[in-house]
Protein backbone atom coordinates (compact mmCIF):
# COMPACT_ATOMS: atom_id res chain seq x y z
CA UNK A 1 -6.78 -7.27 -20.88
CA UNK A 2 -10.18 -6.15 -19.68
CA UNK A 3 -12.43 -4.69 -22.28
CA UNK A 4 -13.81 -1.17 -21.86
CA UNK A 5 -17.32 -1.08 -20.56
CA UNK A 6 -17.28 -4.59 -19.13
CA UNK A 7 -18.56 -4.81 -15.55
CA UNK A 8 -16.06 -6.33 -13.15
CA UNK A 9 -16.74 -8.04 -9.81
CA UNK A 10 -17.14 -4.72 -8.03
CA UNK A 11 -20.07 -3.72 -10.23
CA UNK A 12 -18.10 -0.84 -11.78
CA UNK A 13 -17.31 -0.46 -15.45
CA UNK A 14 -13.71 -0.99 -16.42
CA UNK A 15 -12.17 1.73 -18.47
CA UNK A 16 -8.86 1.32 -20.20
CA UNK A 17 -6.50 4.14 -19.37
CA UNK A 18 -3.74 4.80 -21.90
CA UNK A 19 -0.28 4.42 -20.43
CA UNK A 20 0.47 8.01 -21.49
CA UNK A 21 -2.14 9.19 -18.95
CA UNK A 22 -0.66 7.34 -15.99
CA UNK A 23 1.00 9.62 -13.46
CA UNK A 24 0.06 12.82 -15.30
CA UNK A 25 -2.56 15.43 -14.64
CA UNK A 26 -6.10 14.62 -15.71
CA UNK A 27 -6.30 14.89 -19.48
CA UNK A 28 -9.08 14.07 -21.89
CA UNK A 29 -11.24 12.68 -19.12
CA UNK A 30 -8.67 10.20 -17.83
CA UNK A 31 -7.85 10.34 -14.09
CA UNK A 32 -4.40 10.94 -12.68
CA UNK A 33 -3.13 7.78 -11.01
CA UNK A 34 -1.01 8.50 -7.96
CA UNK A 35 2.17 6.66 -7.17
CA UNK A 36 1.20 5.77 -3.61
CA UNK A 37 3.97 3.27 -2.95
CA UNK A 38 6.49 6.13 -3.15
CA UNK A 39 4.98 7.61 0.01
CA UNK A 40 6.97 5.05 1.98
CA UNK A 41 10.72 4.67 1.51
CA UNK A 42 12.56 1.37 0.97
CA UNK A 43 13.43 1.01 4.67
CA UNK A 44 9.78 1.55 5.57
CA UNK A 45 8.68 -1.17 3.15
CA UNK A 46 11.32 -3.58 4.59
CA UNK A 47 10.01 -2.96 8.11
CA UNK A 48 6.38 -3.38 6.98
CA UNK A 49 7.29 -6.65 5.31
CA UNK A 50 8.99 -7.86 8.47
CA UNK A 51 6.22 -6.62 10.79
CA UNK A 52 3.36 -8.15 8.78
CA UNK A 53 5.34 -11.27 7.88
CA UNK A 54 4.89 -10.76 4.12
CA UNK A 55 6.70 -12.55 1.36
CA UNK A 56 8.58 -10.52 -1.23
CA UNK A 57 5.83 -11.22 -3.80
CA UNK A 58 3.09 -10.17 -1.35
CA UNK A 59 4.92 -6.92 -0.77
CA UNK A 60 5.19 -6.27 -4.50
CA UNK A 61 1.45 -6.82 -4.91
CA UNK A 62 0.68 -4.53 -1.98
CA UNK A 63 2.85 -1.83 -3.56
CA UNK A 64 0.80 -2.27 -6.77
CA UNK A 65 -2.38 -1.84 -4.70
CA UNK A 66 -0.88 1.33 -3.21
CA UNK A 67 -0.30 2.61 -6.74
CA UNK A 68 -3.97 1.90 -7.54
CA UNK A 69 -3.02 -0.54 -10.28
CA UNK A 70 -5.40 -3.11 -11.72
CA UNK A 71 -4.58 -6.78 -11.22
CA UNK A 72 -3.78 -7.00 -14.94
CA UNK A 73 -1.21 -4.20 -14.64
CA UNK A 74 0.36 -5.70 -11.54
CA UNK A 75 0.57 -9.11 -13.26
CA UNK A 76 2.13 -7.63 -16.40
CA UNK A 77 4.74 -5.68 -14.46
CA UNK A 78 5.66 -8.70 -12.29
CA UNK A 79 5.63 -11.17 -15.18
CA UNK A 80 2.98 -13.40 -13.60
CA UNK A 81 -0.59 -14.32 -14.50
CA UNK A 82 -3.62 -12.29 -13.52
CA UNK A 83 -4.96 -15.39 -11.73
CA UNK A 84 -1.83 -15.47 -9.58
CA UNK A 85 -2.27 -11.81 -8.61
CA UNK A 86 -5.96 -12.41 -7.89
CA UNK A 87 -5.08 -15.40 -5.68
CA UNK A 88 -2.38 -13.41 -3.85
CA UNK A 89 -4.81 -10.53 -3.21
CA UNK A 90 -7.38 -12.99 -1.86
CA UNK A 91 -4.76 -14.56 0.42
CA UNK A 92 -3.58 -11.11 1.57
CA UNK A 93 -7.16 -10.23 2.51
CA UNK A 94 -7.24 -13.34 4.70
CA UNK A 95 -3.79 -12.83 6.15
CA UNK A 96 -4.46 -9.17 7.04
CA UNK A 97 -8.13 -9.74 7.90
CA UNK A 98 -9.09 -7.20 5.25
CA UNK A 99 -12.31 -7.15 3.24
CA UNK A 100 -10.99 -5.40 0.13
CA UNK A 101 -8.03 -3.60 -1.45
CA UNK A 102 -8.69 -0.42 0.53
CA UNK A 103 -8.66 -2.37 3.78
CA UNK A 104 -5.32 -3.93 2.76
CA UNK A 105 -3.86 -0.46 2.20
CA UNK A 106 -5.26 0.79 5.53
CA UNK A 107 -3.82 -2.22 7.35
CA UNK A 108 -0.40 -1.54 5.84
CA UNK A 109 -0.56 2.16 6.74
CA UNK A 110 -1.61 1.24 10.30
CA UNK A 111 1.44 -1.02 10.57
CA UNK A 112 3.68 1.73 9.15
CA UNK A 113 2.37 4.24 11.70
CA UNK A 114 2.83 1.69 14.50
CA UNK A 115 6.41 1.09 13.38
CA UNK A 116 7.25 4.79 13.34
CA UNK A 117 6.31 5.08 17.03
CA UNK A 118 7.91 1.79 18.05
CA UNK A 119 11.27 1.18 19.68
CA UNK A 120 11.75 -1.97 17.62
CA UNK A 121 12.70 -0.09 14.42
CA UNK A 122 14.89 2.79 13.44
CA UNK A 123 12.14 4.43 11.36
CA UNK A 124 11.80 8.12 12.25
CA UNK A 125 8.54 9.18 13.86
CA UNK A 126 6.37 11.00 11.35
CA UNK A 127 4.37 12.81 14.02
CA UNK A 128 5.98 16.08 15.17
CA UNK A 129 4.19 15.86 18.51
CA UNK A 130 5.55 12.35 19.10
CA UNK A 131 9.07 13.41 18.18
CA UNK A 132 8.83 16.31 20.61
CA UNK A 133 7.40 14.10 23.38
CA UNK A 134 3.97 15.81 23.33
CA UNK A 135 1.85 13.01 21.78
CA UNK A 136 -1.03 12.19 24.13
CA UNK A 137 -1.46 8.75 22.49
CA UNK A 138 2.15 7.58 22.39
CA UNK A 139 4.21 9.41 25.02
CA UNK A 140 7.95 8.89 24.93
CA UNK A 141 9.44 7.14 27.96
CA UNK A 142 11.06 9.47 30.51
CA UNK A 143 14.78 10.07 30.04
CA UNK A 144 16.94 8.95 32.94
CA UNK A 145 19.27 11.91 33.67
CA UNK A 146 21.68 10.43 36.15
C-alpha cells in the first residue's frame, strides 16, 4: 500500500482514501470517486473487448481505470500483484497507442461511440440525432422503400 504523502511517478502526492469515502459525497476533505465503468452496460463492454481485441484481464483493468482506481486497488480486487497491473497498464498503453490512463479511457470511449453508430453491433445509438437520421457526421443509409 502506498504511504500518504509519498510522491508517485506522476509527481503528485498519494493520499490514502478510506474505503468508507469511496462512492459517497465529498466528506472530510476526501473526494467522491465515481463508478465510471457503470456508464457502459455489459453488452457494451463485450463489444468494446471484441472491437479492441482485449483479453478478459485487460478489460478488467480498463474498467478499474474507468472507476479511477489506483493500481493497488485494482490489484487487490483482482487478486493479482501491483506489478502485474502496472505491466498490463503499460502494455495497454502500447496496444491502444495511449500515453497515459486518461488516453486509455478516451480510446475506449471513442471505440464505444464508434460501435454505437456501426452496423456491426446491436448497440443502440446514443446520439438522438443519429437515431433520427439527422446526424451530419454519421448519416443513416437511405431506406429502400420498394
